[in-house]
Structures are given as C-alpha cells and as structure tokens.
Amino acid sequence: MPTVTPDEGVGCVEAPRGTLTHHYWSDERGVITRVNLIVGTTNNYAPINLSIKEAARALIRRGTAVSEGLLNRIEMAFRAYDPCLGCATHYWPGQMPLTVVLRAPDGRVLKTIGR
C-alpha cells in the first residue's frame, strides 16, 4: 500500500514497434497534470530517415520518371519500421503525404514531387 503520493514517475516497456517511454507528473492529490509519451516510432526517426534516403538514391537516377509507383517504393522504406498508425498516416483517411525533393550534387533543387 503506497504511503506517499508521488509527484513524478517514468516507465519504459518494450513493444512490437519499439520502446515506449511514459513520463507522468501529478499534483498533491495524485491527479496527473502532465504527460510525455515517447513512442517507438520516435526512437526510429534517424534510421527511418536514412532508409528513405538510401531507397530514393537507389531508385532515382538521371532520366528516371518519378511516378506514383516509384513514390510507393520509397514509402516502403518507411513502412518497414511498422510505425504507429498516427505516425504512418498523419492524414485521414489514411493517405500518407509524401514529398520527394530531387537535388543536384551541389544541392540545387531540380524537382519537387509530392502527393
């Protein structure tokens, strides 16, 4: 039986999508006043970004027609991380917004394609 009312608590658990970190703050009555949830997708941002970058580099070459199918193949690099539904879509009814920026070796933007 608890003898004091905590004012802060942190918990971590492994889940299918990665580590979930929950951080809670409460008032003197034990009522939660603030919450910070860090989901598995957040922990995977860096590797997701690298995978998307490498997929785009492998699939897009000079003269390549950038089509919906090509964008879908690049998106597969993101989906491989099994992001949570909200992170995977960011749009209702579930169509992921995707923008590909084609750059020259010097960094100039050659073309921007999106949906």
PDB file of N, CA and C in Angstrom:
ATOM      1  N   MET A   1       0.838  -1.178   0.000  1.00  0.00           N
ATOM      2  CA  MET A   1       0.000   0.000   0.000  1.00  0.00           C
ATOM      3  C   MET A   1       0.882   1.240   0.000  1.00  0.00           C
ATOM      4  N   PRO A   2       0.683   2.152  -0.961  1.00  0.00           N
ATOM      5  CA  PRO A   2       1.502   3.372  -1.007  1.00  0.00           C
ATOM      6  C   PRO A   2       1.303   4.220   0.254  1.00  0.00           C
ATOM      7  N   THR A   3       2.380   4.812   0.711  1.00  0.00           N
ATOM      8  CA  THR A   3       2.302   5.677   1.892  1.00  0.00           C
ATOM      9  C   THR A   3       2.446   7.152   1.547  1.00  0.00           C
ATOM     10  N   VAL A   4       2.901   7.455   0.336  1.00  0.00           N
ATOM     11  CA  VAL A   4       3.029   8.845  -0.114  1.00  0.00           C
ATOM     12  C   VAL A   4       2.468   8.966  -1.514  1.00  0.00           C
ATOM     13  N   THR A   5       2.092  10.173  -1.882  1.00  0.00           N
ATOM     14  CA  THR A   5       1.616  10.432  -3.241  1.00  0.00           C
ATOM     15  C   THR A   5       2.793  10.919  -4.071  1.00  0.00           C
ATOM     16  N   PRO A   6       3.221  10.125  -5.061  1.00  0.00           N
ATOM     17  CA  PRO A   6       4.364  10.565  -5.881  1.00  0.00           C
ATOM     18  C   PRO A   6       3.977  11.755  -6.745  1.00  0.00           C
ATOM     19  N   ASP A   7       4.970  12.566  -7.091  1.00  0.00           N
ATOM     20  CA  ASP A   7       4.680  13.706  -7.971  1.00  0.00           C
ATOM     21  C   ASP A   7       5.252  13.514  -9.369  1.00  0.00           C
ATOM     22  N   GLU A   8       5.982  12.409  -9.570  1.00  0.00           N
ATOM     23  CA  GLU A   8       6.549  12.149 -10.891  1.00  0.00           C
ATOM     24  C   GLU A   8       6.854  10.662 -11.020  1.00  0.00           C
ATOM     25  N   GLY A   9       6.693  10.135 -12.232  1.00  0.00           N
ATOM     26  CA  GLY A   9       7.010   8.738 -12.474  1.00  0.00           C
ATOM     27  C   GLY A   9       7.349   8.488 -13.927  1.00  0.00           C
ATOM     28  N   VAL A  10       8.269   7.546 -14.156  1.00  0.00           N
ATOM     29  CA  VAL A  10       8.702   7.194 -15.508  1.00  0.00           C
ATOM     30  C   VAL A  10       8.640   5.673 -15.648  1.00  0.00           C
ATOM     31  N   GLY A  11       8.182   5.226 -16.807  1.00  0.00           N
ATOM     32  CA  GLY A  11       8.160   3.801 -17.078  1.00  0.00           C
ATOM     33  C   GLY A  11       8.541   3.528 -18.515  1.00  0.00           C
ATOM     34  N   CYS A  12       9.221   2.418 -18.753  1.00  0.00           N
ATOM     35  CA  CYS A  12       9.604   2.011 -20.107  1.00  0.00           C
ATOM     36  C   CYS A  12       9.177   0.565 -20.303  1.00  0.00           C
ATOM     37  N   VAL A  13       8.724   0.275 -21.521  1.00  0.00           N
ATOM     38  CA  VAL A  13       8.317  -1.087 -21.847  1.00  0.00           C
ATOM     39  C   VAL A  13       8.643  -1.347 -23.308  1.00  0.00           C
ATOM     40  N   GLU A  14       9.095  -2.562 -23.592  1.00  0.00           N
ATOM     41  CA  GLU A  14       9.340  -2.949 -24.974  1.00  0.00           C
ATOM     42  C   GLU A  14       8.023  -3.374 -25.599  1.00  0.00           C
ATOM     43  N   ALA A  15       7.775  -2.915 -26.799  1.00  0.00           N
ATOM     44  CA  ALA A  15       6.552  -3.226 -27.530  1.00  0.00           C
ATOM     45  C   ALA A  15       6.936  -3.608 -28.956  1.00  0.00           C
ATOM     46  N   PRO A  16       5.992  -4.160 -29.731  1.00  0.00           N
ATOM     47  CA  PRO A  16       6.324  -4.564 -31.100  1.00  0.00           C
ATOM     48  C   PRO A  16       6.936  -3.460 -31.956  1.00  0.00           C
ATOM     49  N   ARG A  17       6.558  -2.214 -31.727  1.00  0.00           N
ATOM     50  CA  ARG A  17       7.079  -1.120 -32.550  1.00  0.00           C
ATOM     51  C   ARG A  17       8.311  -0.469 -31.953  1.00  0.00           C
ATOM     52  N   GLY A  18       8.762  -0.920 -30.803  1.00  0.00           N
ATOM     53  CA  GLY A  18       9.939  -0.341 -30.169  1.00  0.00           C
ATOM     54  C   GLY A  18       9.653   0.033 -28.724  1.00  0.00           C
ATOM     55  N   THR A  19      10.597   0.684 -28.108  1.00  0.00           N
ATOM     56  CA  THR A  19      10.482   1.052 -26.696  1.00  0.00           C
ATOM     57  C   THR A  19       9.476   2.176 -26.508  1.00  0.00           C
ATOM     58  N   LEU A  20       8.582   2.005 -25.539  1.00  0.00           N
ATOM     59  CA  LEU A  20       7.623   3.043 -25.164  1.00  0.00           C
ATOM     60  C   LEU A  20       8.094   3.633 -23.843  1.00  0.00           C
ATOM     61  N   THR A  21       8.224   4.939 -23.784  1.00  0.00           N
ATOM     62  CA  THR A  21       8.599   5.625 -22.556  1.00  0.00           C
ATOM     63  C   THR A  21       7.445   6.522 -22.139  1.00  0.00           C
ATOM     64  N   HIS A  22       6.995   6.347 -20.905  1.00  0.00           N
ATOM     65  CA  HIS A  22       5.901   7.148 -20.353  1.00  0.00           C
ATOM     66  C   HIS A  22       6.463   7.938 -19.182  1.00  0.00           C
ATOM     67  N   HIS A  23       6.199   9.243 -19.169  1.00  0.00           N
ATOM     68  CA  HIS A  23       6.678  10.118 -18.106  1.00  0.00           C
ATOM     69  C   HIS A  23       5.477  10.919 -17.619  1.00  0.00           C
ATOM     70  N   TYR A  24       5.147  10.780 -16.329  1.00  0.00           N
ATOM     71  CA  TYR A  24       3.952  11.407 -15.769  1.00  0.00           C
ATOM     72  C   TYR A  24       4.320  12.315 -14.608  1.00  0.00           C
ATOM     73  N   TRP A  25       3.579  13.415 -14.478  1.00  0.00           N
ATOM     74  CA  TRP A  25       3.663  14.308 -13.337  1.00  0.00           C
ATOM     75  C   TRP A  25       2.266  14.408 -12.730  1.00  0.00           C
ATOM     76  N   SER A  26       2.203  14.527 -11.405  1.00  0.00           N
ATOM     77  CA  SER A  26       0.903  14.636 -10.756  1.00  0.00           C
ATOM     78  C   SER A  26       0.928  15.704  -9.669  1.00  0.00           C
ATOM     79  N   ASP A  27      -0.268  16.118  -9.294  1.00  0.00           N
ATOM     80  CA  ASP A  27      -0.385  17.117  -8.231  1.00  0.00           C
ATOM     81  C   ASP A  27      -0.409  16.426  -6.868  1.00  0.00           C
ATOM     82  N   GLU A  28      -0.645  17.199  -5.814  1.00  0.00           N
ATOM     83  CA  GLU A  28      -0.606  16.662  -4.445  1.00  0.00           C
ATOM     84  C   GLU A  28      -1.691  15.625  -4.170  1.00  0.00           C
ATOM     85  N   ARG A  29      -2.739  15.582  -5.019  1.00  0.00           N
ATOM     86  CA  ARG A  29      -3.797  14.580  -4.864  1.00  0.00           C
ATOM     87  C   ARG A  29      -3.535  13.333  -5.706  1.00  0.00           C
ATOM     88  N   GLY A  30      -2.444  13.347  -6.481  1.00  0.00           N
ATOM     89  CA  GLY A  30      -2.135  12.206  -7.335  1.00  0.00           C
ATOM     90  C   GLY A  30      -2.807  12.272  -8.695  1.00  0.00           C
ATOM     91  N   VAL A  31      -3.408  13.426  -9.013  1.00  0.00           N
ATOM     92  CA  VAL A  31      -4.057  13.611 -10.309  1.00  0.00           C
ATOM     93  C   VAL A  31      -2.996  14.017 -11.336  1.00  0.00           C
ATOM     94  N   ILE A  32      -2.976  13.317 -12.444  1.00  0.00           N
ATOM     95  CA  ILE A  32      -1.976  13.596 -13.478  1.00  0.00           C
ATOM     96  C   ILE A  32      -2.181  14.994 -14.046  1.00  0.00           C
ATOM     97  N   THR A  33      -1.102  15.764 -14.080  1.00  0.00           N
ATOM     98  CA  THR A  33      -1.148  17.140 -14.581  1.00  0.00           C
ATOM     99  C   THR A  33      -0.381  17.313 -15.885  1.00  0.00           C
ATOM    100  N   ARG A  34       0.520  16.384 -16.171  1.00  0.00           N
ATOM    101  CA  ARG A  34       1.338  16.498 -17.381  1.00  0.00           C
ATOM    102  C   ARG A  34       1.804  15.099 -17.773  1.00  0.00           C
ATOM    103  N   VAL A  35       1.881  14.857 -19.087  1.00  0.00           N
ATOM    104  CA  VAL A  35       2.310  13.550 -19.591  1.00  0.00           C
ATOM    105  C   VAL A  35       3.232  13.759 -20.784  1.00  0.00           C
ATOM    106  N   ASN A  36       4.273  12.969 -20.869  1.00  0.00           N
ATOM    107  CA  ASN A  36       5.152  12.947 -22.030  1.00  0.00           C
ATOM    108  C   ASN A  36       5.286  11.489 -22.454  1.00  0.00           C
ATOM    109  N   LEU A  37       4.759  11.145 -23.632  1.00  0.00           N
ATOM    110  CA  LEU A  37       4.830   9.782 -24.147  1.00  0.00           C
ATOM    111  C   LEU A  37       5.778   9.760 -25.341  1.00  0.00           C
ATOM    112  N   ILE A  38       6.766   8.919 -25.281  1.00  0.00           N
ATOM    113  CA  ILE A  38       7.703   8.766 -26.388  1.00  0.00           C
ATOM    114  C   ILE A  38       7.478   7.369 -26.952  1.00  0.00           C
ATOM    115  N   VAL A  39       6.946   7.317 -28.169  1.00  0.00           N
ATOM    116  CA  VAL A  39       6.595   6.039 -28.783  1.00  0.00           C
ATOM    117  C   VAL A  39       7.760   5.493 -29.600  1.00  0.00           C
ATOM    118  N   GLY A  40       7.667   4.217 -29.960  1.00  0.00           N
ATOM    119  CA  GLY A  40       8.733   3.557 -30.707  1.00  0.00           C
ATOM    120  C   GLY A  40       9.102   4.256 -31.998  1.00  0.00           C
ATOM    121  N   THR A  41       8.113   4.793 -32.695  1.00  0.00           N
ATOM    122  CA  THR A  41       8.399   5.480 -33.961  1.00  0.00           C
ATOM    123  C   THR A  41       9.346   6.649 -33.735  1.00  0.00           C
ATOM    124  N   THR A  42       9.180   7.372 -32.640  1.00  0.00           N
ATOM    125  CA  THR A  42      10.067   8.499 -32.326  1.00  0.00           C
ATOM    126  C   THR A  42      11.507   8.022 -32.190  1.00  0.00           C
ATOM    127  N   ASN A  43      11.705   6.867 -31.550  1.00  0.00           N
ATOM    128  CA  ASN A  43      13.056   6.325 -31.391  1.00  0.00           C
ATOM    129  C   ASN A  43      13.667   5.894 -32.717  1.00  0.00           C
ATOM    130  N   ASN A  44      12.845   5.677 -33.723  1.00  0.00           N
ATOM    131  CA  ASN A  44      13.328   5.194 -35.019  1.00  0.00           C
ATOM    132  C   ASN A  44      13.481   6.292 -36.071  1.00  0.00           C
ATOM    133  N   TYR A  45      13.277   7.560 -35.712  1.00  0.00           N
ATOM    134  CA  TYR A  45      13.341   8.636 -36.719  1.00  0.00           C
ATOM    135  C   TYR A  45      14.648   8.632 -37.517  1.00  0.00           C
ATOM    136  N   ALA A  46      15.776   8.508 -36.851  1.00  0.00           N
ATOM    137  CA  ALA A  46      17.060   8.558 -37.575  1.00  0.00           C
ATOM    138  C   ALA A  46      17.208   7.393 -38.552  1.00  0.00           C
ATOM    139  N   PRO A  47      16.987   6.142 -38.122  1.00  0.00           N
ATOM    140  CA  PRO A  47      17.116   5.061 -39.101  1.00  0.00           C
ATOM    141  C   PRO A  47      16.047   5.112 -40.198  1.00  0.00           C
ATOM    142  N   ILE A  48      14.847   5.591 -39.876  1.00  0.00           N
ATOM    143  CA  ILE A  48      13.805   5.752 -40.906  1.00  0.00           C
ATOM    144  C   ILE A  48      14.285   6.732 -41.959  1.00  0.00           C
ATOM    145  N   ASN A  49      14.821   7.865 -41.517  1.00  0.00           N
ATOM    146  CA  ASN A  49      15.303   8.889 -42.443  1.00  0.00           C
ATOM    147  C   ASN A  49      16.415   8.342 -43.334  1.00  0.00           C
ATOM    148  N   LEU A  50      17.341   7.605 -42.744  1.00  0.00           N
ATOM    149  CA  LEU A  50      18.434   7.030 -43.540  1.00  0.00           C
ATOM    150  C   LEU A  50      17.923   6.013 -44.554  1.00  0.00           C
ATOM    151  N   SER A  51      16.955   5.204 -44.159  1.00  0.00           N
ATOM    152  CA  SER A  51      16.400   4.195 -45.077  1.00  0.00           C
ATOM    153  C   SER A  51      15.688   4.843 -46.252  1.00  0.00           C
ATOM    154  N   ILE A  52      14.918   5.890 -45.978  1.00  0.00           N
ATOM    155  CA  ILE A  52      14.215   6.607 -47.053  1.00  0.00           C
ATOM    156  C   ILE A  52      15.231   7.240 -48.005  1.00  0.00           C
ATOM    157  N   LYS A  53      16.263   7.854 -47.436  1.00  0.00           N
ATOM    158  CA  LYS A  53      17.295   8.499 -48.256  1.00  0.00           C
ATOM    159  C   LYS A  53      17.988   7.480 -49.162  1.00  0.00           C
ATOM    160  N   GLU A  54      18.341   6.331 -48.598  1.00  0.00           N
ATOM    161  CA  GLU A  54      19.014   5.296 -49.389  1.00  0.00           C
ATOM    162  C   GLU A  54      18.086   4.699 -50.449  1.00  0.00           C
ATOM    163  N   ALA A  55      16.815   4.518 -50.121  1.00  0.00           N
ATOM    164  CA  ALA A  55      15.854   3.996 -51.106  1.00  0.00           C
ATOM    165  C   ALA A  55      15.728   4.966 -52.268  1.00  0.00           C
ATOM    166  N   ALA A  56      15.605   6.245 -51.959  1.00  0.00           N
ATOM    167  CA  ALA A  56      15.479   7.254 -53.017  1.00  0.00           C
ATOM    168  C   ALA A  56      16.736   7.292 -53.881  1.00  0.00           C
ATOM    169  N   ARG A  57      17.897   7.235 -53.253  1.00  0.00           N
ATOM    170  CA  ARG A  57      19.159   7.249 -54.017  1.00  0.00           C
ATOM    171  C   ARG A  57      19.276   6.030 -54.929  1.00  0.00           C
ATOM    172  N   ALA A  58      18.811   4.894 -54.462  1.00  0.00           N
ATOM    173  CA  ALA A  58      18.915   3.667 -55.259  1.00  0.00           C
ATOM    174  C   ALA A  58      17.910   3.644 -56.407  1.00  0.00           C
ATOM    175  N   LEU A  59      16.757   4.279 -56.218  1.00  0.00           N
ATOM    176  CA  LEU A  59      15.685   4.183 -57.211  1.00  0.00           C
ATOM    177  C   LEU A  59      15.648   5.334 -58.213  1.00  0.00           C
ATOM    178  N   ILE A  60      16.163   6.486 -57.836  1.00  0.00           N
ATOM    179  CA  ILE A  60      16.056   7.657 -58.713  1.00  0.00           C
ATOM    180  C   ILE A  60      17.418   7.966 -59.325  1.00  0.00           C
ATOM    181  N   ARG A  61      17.460   7.926 -60.610  1.00  0.00           N
ATOM    182  CA  ARG A  61      18.670   8.244 -61.379  1.00  0.00           C
ATOM    183  C   ARG A  61      18.301   9.262 -62.442  1.00  0.00           C
ATOM    184  N   ARG A  62      19.299   9.860 -63.039  1.00  0.00           N
ATOM    185  CA  ARG A  62      19.058  10.806 -64.134  1.00  0.00           C
ATOM    186  C   ARG A  62      18.209  10.124 -65.204  1.00  0.00           C
ATOM    187  N   GLY A  63      17.129  10.765 -65.573  1.00  0.00           N
ATOM    188  CA  GLY A  63      16.245  10.227 -66.591  1.00  0.00           C
ATOM    189  C   GLY A  63      15.133   9.343 -66.049  1.00  0.00           C
ATOM    190  N   THR A  64      15.143   9.059 -64.745  1.00  0.00           N
ATOM    191  CA  THR A  64      14.095   8.234 -64.144  1.00  0.00           C
ATOM    192  C   THR A  64      12.803   9.040 -64.056  1.00  0.00           C
ATOM    193  N   ALA A  65      11.716   8.462 -64.549  1.00  0.00           N
ATOM    194  CA  ALA A  65      10.409   9.112 -64.414  1.00  0.00           C
ATOM    195  C   ALA A  65       9.910   8.844 -62.998  1.00  0.00           C
ATOM    196  N   VAL A  66       9.678   9.910 -62.253  1.00  0.00           N
ATOM    197  CA  VAL A  66       9.199   9.762 -60.877  1.00  0.00           C
ATOM    198  C   VAL A  66       7.687   9.657 -60.928  1.00  0.00           C
ATOM    199  N   SER A  67       7.199   8.469 -60.634  1.00  0.00           N
ATOM    200  CA  SER A  67       5.772   8.178 -60.739  1.00  0.00           C
ATOM    201  C   SER A  67       5.203   7.838 -59.363  1.00  0.00           C
ATOM    202  N   GLU A  68       3.895   7.645 -59.307  1.00  0.00           N
ATOM    203  CA  GLU A  68       3.240   7.219 -58.071  1.00  0.00           C
ATOM    204  C   GLU A  68       3.824   5.888 -57.595  1.00  0.00           C
ATOM    205  N   GLY A  69       4.084   4.979 -58.536  1.00  0.00           N
ATOM    206  CA  GLY A  69       4.670   3.690 -58.184  1.00  0.00           C
ATOM    207  C   GLY A  69       6.049   3.828 -57.560  1.00  0.00           C
ATOM    208  N   LEU A  70       6.840   4.754 -58.089  1.00  0.00           N
ATOM    209  CA  LEU A  70       8.172   4.980 -57.536  1.00  0.00           C
ATOM    210  C   LEU A  70       8.068   5.557 -56.124  1.00  0.00           C
ATOM    211  N   LEU A  71       7.153   6.495 -55.926  1.00  0.00           N
ATOM    212  CA  LEU A  71       6.942   7.047 -54.583  1.00  0.00           C
ATOM    213  C   LEU A  71       6.503   5.953 -53.614  1.00  0.00           C
ATOM    214  N   ASN A  72       5.663   5.024 -54.079  1.00  0.00           N
ATOM    215  CA  ASN A  72       5.234   3.903 -53.234  1.00  0.00           C
ATOM    216  C   ASN A  72       6.423   3.042 -52.822  1.00  0.00           C
ATOM    217  N   ARG A  73       7.351   2.827 -53.734  1.00  0.00           N
ATOM    218  CA  ARG A  73       8.526   2.004 -53.415  1.00  0.00           C
ATOM    219  C   ARG A  73       9.417   2.699 -52.391  1.00  0.00           C
ATOM    220  N   ILE A  74       9.540   4.018 -52.478  1.00  0.00           N
ATOM    221  CA  ILE A  74      10.311   4.764 -51.485  1.00  0.00           C
ATOM    222  C   ILE A  74       9.600   4.708 -50.133  1.00  0.00           C
ATOM    223  N   GLU A  75       8.278   4.815 -50.155  1.00  0.00           N
ATOM    224  CA  GLU A  75       7.485   4.750 -48.926  1.00  0.00           C
ATOM    225  C   GLU A  75       7.663   3.414 -48.211  1.00  0.00           C
ATOM    226  N   MET A  76       7.924   2.356 -48.955  1.00  0.00           N
ATOM    227  CA  MET A  76       8.119   1.034 -48.340  1.00  0.00           C
ATOM    228  C   MET A  76       9.284   1.051 -47.350  1.00  0.00           C
ATOM    229  N   ALA A  77      10.280   1.896 -47.574  1.00  0.00           N
ATOM    230  CA  ALA A  77      11.408   2.001 -46.643  1.00  0.00           C
ATOM    231  C   ALA A  77      10.933   2.524 -45.289  1.00  0.00           C
ATOM    232  N   PHE A  78       9.926   3.368 -45.306  1.00  0.00           N
ATOM    233  CA  PHE A  78       9.335   3.906 -44.076  1.00  0.00           C
ATOM    234  C   PHE A  78       8.451   2.872 -43.405  1.00  0.00           C
ATOM    235  N   ARG A  79       7.635   2.220 -44.187  1.00  0.00           N
ATOM    236  CA  ARG A  79       6.682   1.241 -43.654  1.00  0.00           C
ATOM    237  C   ARG A  79       7.375   0.034 -43.032  1.00  0.00           C
ATOM    238  N   ALA A  80       8.604  -0.273 -43.439  1.00  0.00           N
ATOM    239  CA  ALA A  80       9.321  -1.415 -42.889  1.00  0.00           C
ATOM    240  C   ALA A  80       9.537  -1.289 -41.382  1.00  0.00           C
ATOM    241  N   TYR A  81       9.468  -0.069 -40.873  1.00  0.00           N
ATOM    242  CA  TYR A  81       9.655   0.161 -39.436  1.00  0.00           C
ATOM    243  C   TYR A  81       8.353   0.002 -38.658  1.00  0.00           C
ATOM    244  N   ASP A  82       7.253  -0.344 -39.330  1.00  0.00           N
ATOM    245  CA  ASP A  82       5.966  -0.563 -38.688  1.00  0.00           C
ATOM    246  C   ASP A  82       5.602   0.607 -37.774  1.00  0.00           C
ATOM    247  N   PRO A  83       5.555   1.809 -38.320  1.00  0.00           N
ATOM    248  CA  PRO A  83       5.228   2.954 -37.467  1.00  0.00           C
ATOM    249  C   PRO A  83       3.788   2.874 -36.967  1.00  0.00           C
ATOM    250  N   CYS A  84       3.528   3.537 -35.858  1.00  0.00           N
ATOM    251  CA  CYS A  84       2.161   3.563 -35.340  1.00  0.00           C
ATOM    252  C   CYS A  84       1.246   4.205 -36.383  1.00  0.00           C
ATOM    253  N   LEU A  85      -0.039   3.941 -36.302  1.00  0.00           N
ATOM    254  CA  LEU A  85      -0.981   4.405 -37.313  1.00  0.00           C
ATOM    255  C   LEU A  85      -0.915   5.922 -37.490  1.00  0.00           C
ATOM    256  N   GLY A  86      -0.871   6.662 -36.392  1.00  0.00           N
ATOM    257  CA  GLY A  86      -0.804   8.125 -36.498  1.00  0.00           C
ATOM    258  C   GLY A  86       0.460   8.587 -37.189  1.00  0.00           C
ATOM    259  N   CYS A  87       1.583   7.984 -36.850  1.00  0.00           N
ATOM    260  CA  CYS A  87       2.848   8.359 -37.478  1.00  0.00           C
ATOM    261  C   CYS A  87       2.907   7.903 -38.928  1.00  0.00           C
ATOM    262  N   ALA A  88       2.232   6.805 -39.219  1.00  0.00           N
ATOM    263  CA  ALA A  88       2.275   6.253 -40.568  1.00  0.00           C
ATOM    264  C   ALA A  88       1.438   7.061 -41.548  1.00  0.00           C
ATOM    265  N   THR A  89       0.415   7.712 -41.067  1.00  0.00           N
ATOM    266  CA  THR A  89      -0.506   8.376 -41.986  1.00  0.00           C
ATOM    267  C   THR A  89      -0.495   9.883 -41.880  1.00  0.00           C
ATOM    268  N   HIS A  90      -0.584  10.414 -40.689  1.00  0.00           N
ATOM    269  CA  HIS A  90      -0.673  11.861 -40.463  1.00  0.00           C
ATOM    270  C   HIS A  90      -1.775  12.503 -41.285  1.00  0.00           C
ATOM    271  N   TYR A  91      -2.702  11.712 -41.719  1.00  0.00           N
ATOM    272  CA  TYR A  91      -3.765  12.242 -42.568  1.00  0.00           C
ATOM    273  C   TYR A  91      -4.923  11.273 -42.544  1.00  0.00           C
ATOM    274  N   TRP A  92      -6.105  11.794 -42.474  1.00  0.00           N
ATOM    275  CA  TRP A  92      -7.290  10.942 -42.519  1.00  0.00           C
ATOM    276  C   TRP A  92      -7.843  11.006 -43.925  1.00  0.00           C
ATOM    277  N   PRO A  93      -8.209   9.969 -44.576  1.00  0.00           N
ATOM    278  CA  PRO A  93      -8.499   8.619 -44.109  1.00  0.00           C
ATOM    279  C   PRO A  93      -7.358   7.633 -44.262  1.00  0.00           C
ATOM    280  N   GLY A  94      -6.124   8.061 -44.209  1.00  0.00           N
ATOM    281  CA  GLY A  94      -5.015   7.113 -44.224  1.00  0.00           C
ATOM    282  C   GLY A  94      -4.089   7.234 -45.411  1.00  0.00           C
ATOM    283  N   GLN A  95      -4.102   8.343 -46.091  1.00  0.00           N
ATOM    284  CA  GLN A  95      -3.224   8.523 -47.235  1.00  0.00           C
ATOM    285  C   GLN A  95      -1.998   9.305 -46.770  1.00  0.00           C
ATOM    286  N   MET A  96      -0.849   8.676 -46.840  1.00  0.00           N
ATOM    287  CA  MET A  96       0.377   9.299 -46.337  1.00  0.00           C
ATOM    288  C   MET A  96       0.848  10.401 -47.269  1.00  0.00           C
ATOM    289  N   PRO A  97       0.999  11.622 -46.743  1.00  0.00           N
ATOM    290  CA  PRO A  97       1.574  12.679 -47.566  1.00  0.00           C
ATOM    291  C   PRO A  97       3.069  12.403 -47.759  1.00  0.00           C
ATOM    292  N   LEU A  98       3.554  12.507 -48.969  1.00  0.00           N
ATOM    293  CA  LEU A  98       4.953  12.207 -49.245  1.00  0.00           C
ATOM    294  C   LEU A  98       5.470  13.247 -50.225  1.00  0.00           C
ATOM    295  N   THR A  99       6.611  13.821 -49.927  1.00  0.00           N
ATOM    296  CA  THR A  99       7.257  14.771 -50.816  1.00  0.00           C
ATOM    297  C   THR A  99       8.682  14.305 -51.058  1.00  0.00           C
ATOM    298  N   VAL A 100       9.056  14.232 -52.326  1.00  0.00           N
ATOM    299  CA  VAL A 100      10.416  13.876 -52.707  1.00  0.00           C
ATOM    300  C   VAL A 100      11.036  15.092 -53.366  1.00  0.00           C
ATOM    301  N   VAL A 101      12.191  15.506 -52.876  1.00  0.00           N
ATOM    302  CA  VAL A 101      12.910  16.644 -53.436  1.00  0.00           C
ATOM    303  C   VAL A 101      14.150  16.102 -54.134  1.00  0.00           C
ATOM    304  N   LEU A 102      14.210  16.293 -55.435  1.00  0.00           N
ATOM    305  CA  LEU A 102      15.376  15.860 -56.217  1.00  0.00           C
ATOM    306  C   LEU A 102      16.376  17.008 -56.245  1.00  0.00           C
ATOM    307  N   ARG A 103      17.603  16.715 -55.848  1.00  0.00           N
ATOM    308  CA  ARG A 103      18.635  17.751 -55.788  1.00  0.00           C
ATOM    309  C   ARG A 103      19.825  17.378 -56.667  1.00  0.00           C
ATOM    310  N   ALA A 104      20.460  18.383 -57.202  1.00  0.00           N
ATOM    311  CA  ALA A 104      21.704  18.210 -57.947  1.00  0.00           C
ATOM    312  C   ALA A 104      22.824  17.966 -56.931  1.00  0.00           C
ATOM    313  N   PRO A 105      23.974  17.470 -57.388  1.00  0.00           N
ATOM    314  CA  PRO A 105      25.090  17.246 -56.461  1.00  0.00           C
ATOM    315  C   PRO A 105      25.480  18.489 -55.655  1.00  0.00           C
ATOM    316  N   ASP A 106      25.240  19.678 -56.216  1.00  0.00           N
ATOM    317  CA  ASP A 106      25.586  20.908 -55.485  1.00  0.00           C
ATOM    318  C   ASP A 106      24.467  21.364 -54.544  1.00  0.00           C
ATOM    319  N   GLY A 107      23.377  20.596 -54.455  1.00  0.00           N
ATOM    320  CA  GLY A 107      22.297  20.919 -53.538  1.00  0.00           C
ATOM    321  C   GLY A 107      21.126  21.670 -54.141  1.00  0.00           C
ATOM    322  N   ARG A 108      21.264  22.128 -55.400  1.00  0.00           N
ATOM    323  CA  ARG A 108      20.151  22.828 -56.044  1.00  0.00           C
ATOM    324  C   ARG A 108      18.947  21.909 -56.168  1.00  0.00           C
ATOM    325  N   VAL A 109      17.762  22.482 -55.947  1.00  0.00           N
ATOM    326  CA  VAL A 109      16.537  21.707 -56.108  1.00  0.00           C
ATOM    327  C   VAL A 109      16.221  21.623 -57.588  1.00  0.00           C
ATOM    328  N   LEU A 110      16.161  20.398 -58.106  1.00  0.00           N
ATOM    329  CA  LEU A 110      15.832  20.175 -59.504  1.00  0.00           C
ATOM    330  C   LEU A 110      14.341  20.003 -59.715  1.00  0.00           C
ATOM    331  N   LYS A 111      13.717  19.291 -58.771  1.00  0.00           N
ATOM    332  CA  LYS A 111      12.297  18.998 -58.905  1.00  0.00           C
ATOM    333  C   LYS A 111      11.751  18.586 -57.549  1.00  0.00           C
ATOM    334  N   THR A 112      10.496  18.939 -57.281  1.00  0.00           N
ATOM    335  CA  THR A 112       9.807  18.503 -56.073  1.00  0.00           C
ATOM    336  C   THR A 112       8.545  17.769 -56.507  1.00  0.00           C
ATOM    337  N   ILE A 113       8.388  16.564 -56.017  1.00  0.00           N
ATOM    338  CA  ILE A 113       7.227  15.750 -56.347  1.00  0.00           C
ATOM    339  C   ILE A 113       6.537  15.396 -55.036  1.00  0.00           C
ATOM    340  N   GLY A 114       5.235  15.499 -55.019  1.00  0.00           N
ATOM    341  CA  GLY A 114       4.524  15.153 -53.793  1.00  0.00           C
ATOM    342  C   GLY A 114       3.117  14.708 -54.081  1.00  0.00           C
ATOM    343  N   ARG A 115       2.508  14.223 -53.033  1.00  0.00           N
ATOM    344  CA  ARG A 115       1.104  13.865 -53.114  1.00  0.00           C
ATOM    345  C   ARG A 115       0.430  14.263 -51.829  1.00  0.00           C
TER     346      ARG A 115
END
